[in-house]
Amino acid sequence: MSLLLAVTCVAAGNLAAVEPGFKELFNGKDLQGWDGNPQLWSVQDGAITGRTTKENPLKSNTFLIWTNGTAADFELRFSFKLTPNNTQNFANSGVQYRSKVLDAKTWRMGGYQADMEAGASYTGILYEEGMTRGIMAQRGEKVEWSADSKKTVTGTTTPVAEIEGSIKKTDWNDYVVIARGAHLQHFVNGKLAVDVMDNCESKRVMSGLIGLQVHAGEPMTTQFKNLRIKTLD
């Protein structure tokens, strides 16, 4: 690819064109290929936007679900921004992967989640939404889950202070999820946050849906852009 074409693609927002093997999940204009509560989800300034208000509070988490297929072994790249519209500095969201729909009427999902928040604890962790294991790996942890679903911390990734220090609280941040077999990794702004081997065959999932979360609680806005995925051999 020529340099001119690469620059043109980036200027047009077509990152997948300059990243061989990646395809875009969001066209930057509308929610074609996605399904969720239309009262919460829209496209604002070229970004998928989920917003809750005092007048429209959420009692339970809900999701915008990608409808164009499932993903098994992949690398997912995207940018996110969270805005707390409240005095508690609360904003929490996440990206589901290898997940399933638990309740189609409320767009509720369960499965692996690449977590993110406005606070200082959860961005980068691996959380099992709507299932039984909860937080599967904290930031800075290298973890193995055994066949009988026991968690063991086997090492470290990036120091937590370094991960947290890289996060721009009022601007866009980059997130990468790599899932290959039982091996799951999350990167935040280029820093490896968690590294997990899920050897629990009775609970792990090897393929499933992708979804974006709006969290129950105080009014907040979550935004996503530049969502693209590459299938791994």
Protein backbone atom coordinates (compact mmCIF):
# COMPACT_ATOMS: atom_id res chain seq x y z
CA MET A 1 0.00 0.00 0.00
CA SER A 2 1.33 3.44 -0.90
CA LEU A 3 1.94 6.04 1.79
CA LEU A 4 -0.60 8.35 0.16
CA LEU A 5 -3.31 5.68 0.25
CA ALA A 6 -2.50 4.83 3.87
CA VAL A 7 -2.76 8.49 4.92
CA THR A 8 -6.03 8.84 3.00
CA CYS A 9 -7.50 5.78 4.71
CA VAL A 10 -6.57 7.02 8.17
CA ALA A 11 -7.94 10.48 7.43
CA ALA A 12 -11.20 8.87 6.36
CA GLY A 13 -11.33 6.79 9.53
CA ASN A 14 -10.81 3.50 7.68
CA LEU A 15 -8.20 2.00 9.99
CA ALA A 16 -8.96 -1.54 8.82
CA ALA A 17 -7.63 -0.60 5.39
CA VAL A 18 -4.17 0.05 6.83
CA GLU A 19 -4.21 -2.97 9.15
CA PRO A 20 -3.99 -6.11 7.03
CA GLY A 21 -6.57 -8.76 7.89
CA PHE A 22 -8.84 -6.48 9.95
CA LYS A 23 -12.45 -5.67 9.14
CA GLU A 24 -14.54 -2.86 10.55
CA LEU A 25 -17.48 -3.62 12.86
CA PHE A 26 -18.87 -0.07 12.77
CA ASN A 27 -19.34 2.09 9.69
CA GLY A 28 -18.98 5.38 11.56
CA LYS A 29 -22.41 6.61 10.44
CA ASP A 30 -25.22 4.50 11.89
CA LEU A 31 -25.94 1.33 13.88
CA GLN A 32 -26.30 -0.98 10.90
CA GLY A 33 -25.17 -4.44 12.05
CA TRP A 34 -25.92 -3.71 15.71
CA ASP A 35 -28.99 -4.31 17.90
CA GLY A 36 -29.83 -2.62 21.19
CA ASN A 37 -32.25 -0.34 23.01
CA PRO A 38 -32.81 2.63 20.66
CA GLN A 39 -33.58 4.87 23.65
CA LEU A 40 -29.99 4.41 24.84
CA TRP A 41 -27.85 3.92 21.73
CA SER A 42 -27.08 6.31 18.88
CA VAL A 43 -24.19 7.56 16.76
CA GLN A 44 -22.77 10.91 17.87
CA ASP A 45 -19.77 12.61 16.25
CA GLY A 46 -18.83 9.39 14.44
CA ALA A 47 -18.89 7.25 17.59
CA ILE A 48 -21.27 4.62 18.93
CA THR A 49 -22.78 6.34 21.96
CA GLY A 50 -24.68 4.86 24.89
CA ARG A 51 -26.23 7.38 27.25
CA THR A 52 -28.35 7.14 30.39
CA THR A 53 -30.08 10.04 32.14
CA LYS A 54 -31.91 10.77 35.36
CA GLU A 55 -35.12 10.69 33.35
CA ASN A 56 -34.20 7.34 31.75
CA PRO A 57 -32.33 5.34 34.45
CA LEU A 58 -31.20 1.75 34.02
CA LYS A 59 -32.07 -0.91 36.58
CA SER A 60 -29.86 -3.55 34.96
CA ASN A 61 -26.98 -3.64 32.50
CA THR A 62 -27.85 -3.68 28.82
CA PHE A 63 -25.88 -4.12 25.62
CA LEU A 64 -25.59 -3.17 21.98
CA ILE A 65 -25.05 -6.50 20.22
CA TRP A 66 -23.09 -6.98 17.00
CA THR A 67 -25.35 -9.01 14.71
CA ASN A 68 -23.04 -9.87 11.81
CA GLY A 69 -21.56 -13.05 13.26
CA THR A 70 -19.63 -14.59 16.11
CA ALA A 71 -15.95 -14.52 16.97
CA ALA A 72 -13.71 -17.37 18.16
CA ASP A 73 -9.96 -16.69 17.87
CA PHE A 74 -9.42 -13.01 17.11
CA GLU A 75 -7.75 -9.70 17.80
CA LEU A 76 -10.24 -6.91 18.51
CA ARG A 77 -9.16 -3.28 18.48
CA PHE A 78 -11.22 -0.23 19.45
CA SER A 79 -11.12 3.17 21.14
CA PHE A 80 -13.37 4.18 24.05
CA LYS A 81 -14.27 7.25 26.08
CA LEU A 82 -16.36 7.44 29.26
CA THR A 83 -18.12 10.51 30.61
CA PRO A 84 -19.69 10.53 34.10
CA ASN A 85 -22.79 12.72 33.99
CA ASN A 86 -23.08 12.73 37.78
CA THR A 87 -21.36 13.99 40.92
CA GLN A 88 -20.11 10.52 41.93
CA ASN A 89 -17.67 10.28 38.99
CA PHE A 90 -19.42 7.04 38.01
CA ALA A 91 -19.17 5.63 34.51
CA ASN A 92 -18.73 1.93 33.82
CA SER A 93 -18.82 -0.02 30.60
CA GLY A 94 -17.26 -2.96 28.83
CA VAL A 95 -16.97 -4.95 25.65
CA GLN A 96 -18.38 -8.46 25.66
CA TYR A 97 -16.68 -11.16 23.62
CA ARG A 98 -17.34 -14.89 23.16
CA SER A 99 -20.62 -14.04 24.87
CA LYS A 100 -24.28 -15.00 24.60
CA VAL A 101 -27.65 -13.31 24.93
CA LEU A 102 -29.23 -14.00 28.32
CA ASP A 103 -32.40 -11.98 27.72
CA ALA A 104 -33.26 -10.79 24.21
CA LYS A 105 -36.00 -8.43 25.45
CA THR A 106 -33.57 -6.39 27.54
CA TRP A 107 -30.49 -7.01 25.38
CA ARG A 108 -28.74 -8.59 28.37
CA MET A 109 -25.54 -10.55 27.70
CA GLY A 110 -23.28 -12.92 29.61
CA GLY A 111 -19.67 -13.96 29.10
CA TYR A 112 -16.16 -12.55 28.96
CA GLN A 113 -15.93 -8.77 29.32
CA ALA A 114 -13.10 -6.35 28.68
CA ASP A 115 -13.98 -3.92 31.46
CA MET A 116 -13.57 -0.14 31.66
CA GLU A 117 -14.63 2.64 34.02
CA ALA A 118 -14.14 6.27 34.96
CA GLY A 119 -12.65 5.25 38.31
CA ALA A 120 -9.21 3.87 39.06
CA SER A 121 -9.74 0.12 39.50
CA TYR A 122 -11.37 -1.77 36.64
CA THR A 123 -10.20 -0.57 33.23
CA GLY A 124 -8.39 -3.53 31.68
CA ILE A 125 -9.66 -6.31 33.94
CA LEU A 126 -11.29 -9.51 32.70
CA TYR A 127 -14.81 -9.81 34.10
CA GLU A 128 -17.29 -12.61 33.51
CA GLU A 129 -20.56 -10.71 33.09
CA GLY A 130 -23.79 -12.40 34.14
CA MET A 131 -22.14 -15.73 34.96
CA THR A 132 -20.49 -17.17 38.09
CA ARG A 133 -16.81 -16.24 38.19
CA GLY A 134 -16.99 -12.44 38.42
CA ILE A 135 -13.55 -10.82 38.21
CA MET A 136 -11.36 -13.38 36.47
CA ALA A 137 -8.20 -11.27 36.48
CA GLN A 138 -7.30 -7.96 38.05
CA ARG A 139 -5.01 -5.52 36.29
CA GLY A 140 -1.38 -6.52 36.51
CA GLU A 141 -2.21 -10.22 36.91
CA LYS A 142 -1.17 -13.25 34.92
CA VAL A 143 -3.75 -15.89 35.82
CA GLU A 144 -4.58 -19.54 35.27
CA TRP A 145 -8.04 -20.96 35.86
CA SER A 146 -7.87 -24.69 36.56
CA ALA A 147 -10.11 -27.45 35.22
CA ASP A 148 -12.09 -27.31 38.49
CA SER A 149 -12.49 -23.50 38.22
CA LYS A 150 -9.85 -22.41 40.73
CA LYS A 151 -7.98 -19.17 40.10
CA THR A 152 -4.18 -19.01 40.52
CA VAL A 153 -2.12 -15.88 39.98
CA THR A 154 1.01 -17.16 38.24
CA GLY A 155 2.80 -13.90 37.49
CA THR A 156 2.45 -10.23 36.65
CA THR A 157 1.88 -8.14 33.54
CA THR A 158 2.28 -4.35 33.56
CA PRO A 159 2.42 -2.55 36.93
CA VAL A 160 -1.03 -1.23 37.84
CA ALA A 161 0.24 2.32 38.34
CA GLU A 162 1.67 2.31 34.83
CA ILE A 163 -1.60 1.10 33.32
CA GLU A 164 -3.66 3.62 35.26
CA GLY A 165 -1.22 6.41 34.48
CA SER A 166 -1.68 5.86 30.74
CA ILE A 167 -5.46 6.33 30.84
CA LYS A 168 -6.88 9.64 29.63
CA LYS A 169 -9.96 10.26 31.74
CA THR A 170 -11.64 12.81 29.48
CA ASP A 171 -10.36 11.64 26.11
CA TRP A 172 -10.11 8.58 23.90
CA ASN A 173 -8.16 5.47 24.94
CA ASP A 174 -7.14 2.41 22.94
CA TYR A 175 -8.07 -1.13 23.92
CA VAL A 176 -7.00 -4.45 22.37
CA VAL A 177 -8.43 -7.89 23.16
CA ILE A 178 -6.66 -11.01 21.91
CA ALA A 179 -8.38 -14.38 22.29
CA ARG A 180 -6.63 -17.48 21.01
CA GLY A 181 -7.95 -20.79 22.32
CA ALA A 182 -7.94 -20.66 26.11
CA HIS A 183 -5.51 -17.72 26.15
CA LEU A 184 -7.05 -14.27 26.74
CA GLN A 185 -5.18 -10.94 26.85
CA HIS A 186 -6.29 -7.32 27.34
CA PHE A 187 -4.13 -4.32 26.42
CA VAL A 188 -4.93 -0.72 27.43
CA ASN A 189 -3.08 2.01 25.54
CA GLY A 190 -0.51 -0.57 24.46
CA LYS A 191 0.09 -1.96 27.97
CA LEU A 192 -0.68 -5.60 28.78
CA ALA A 193 -3.25 -5.42 31.59
CA VAL A 194 -4.23 -9.08 32.04
CA ASP A 195 -3.00 -12.42 30.69
CA VAL A 196 -5.34 -15.35 31.35
CA MET A 197 -5.37 -19.08 30.62
CA ASP A 198 -8.89 -20.39 31.08
CA ASN A 199 -8.50 -24.15 31.46
CA CYS A 200 -11.99 -24.67 32.94
CA GLU A 201 -13.69 -26.50 30.07
CA SER A 202 -17.05 -26.55 31.85
CA LYS A 203 -17.23 -22.75 32.05
CA ARG A 204 -15.01 -21.31 29.35
CA VAL A 205 -16.44 -20.35 25.97
CA MET A 206 -14.46 -20.63 22.75
CA SER A 207 -16.74 -18.65 20.43
CA GLY A 208 -19.58 -16.17 20.77
CA LEU A 209 -21.04 -12.73 20.32
CA ILE A 210 -19.54 -9.26 20.68
CA GLY A 211 -21.43 -6.52 22.53
CA LEU A 212 -21.00 -3.06 24.06
CA GLN A 213 -22.27 -2.28 27.55
CA VAL A 214 -24.21 0.51 29.18
CA HIS A 215 -24.06 -0.05 32.94
CA ALA A 216 -26.89 0.42 35.41
CA GLY A 217 -26.49 3.24 37.89
CA GLU A 218 -25.84 6.97 37.74
CA PRO A 219 -26.27 8.89 34.47
CA MET A 220 -23.30 8.38 32.16
CA THR A 221 -22.12 8.30 28.56
CA THR A 222 -20.01 5.58 26.97
CA GLN A 223 -18.58 5.91 23.46
CA PHE A 224 -16.77 3.59 21.06
CA LYS A 225 -15.12 4.10 17.70
CA ASN A 226 -12.63 2.44 15.34
CA LEU A 227 -13.94 -1.03 16.16
CA ARG A 228 -12.20 -3.62 13.98
CA ILE A 229 -11.44 -7.32 14.23
CA LYS A 230 -9.03 -9.80 12.73
CA THR A 231 -9.57 -13.56 12.74
CA LEU A 232 -6.56 -15.48 14.05
CA ASP A 233 -5.50 -18.84 12.63
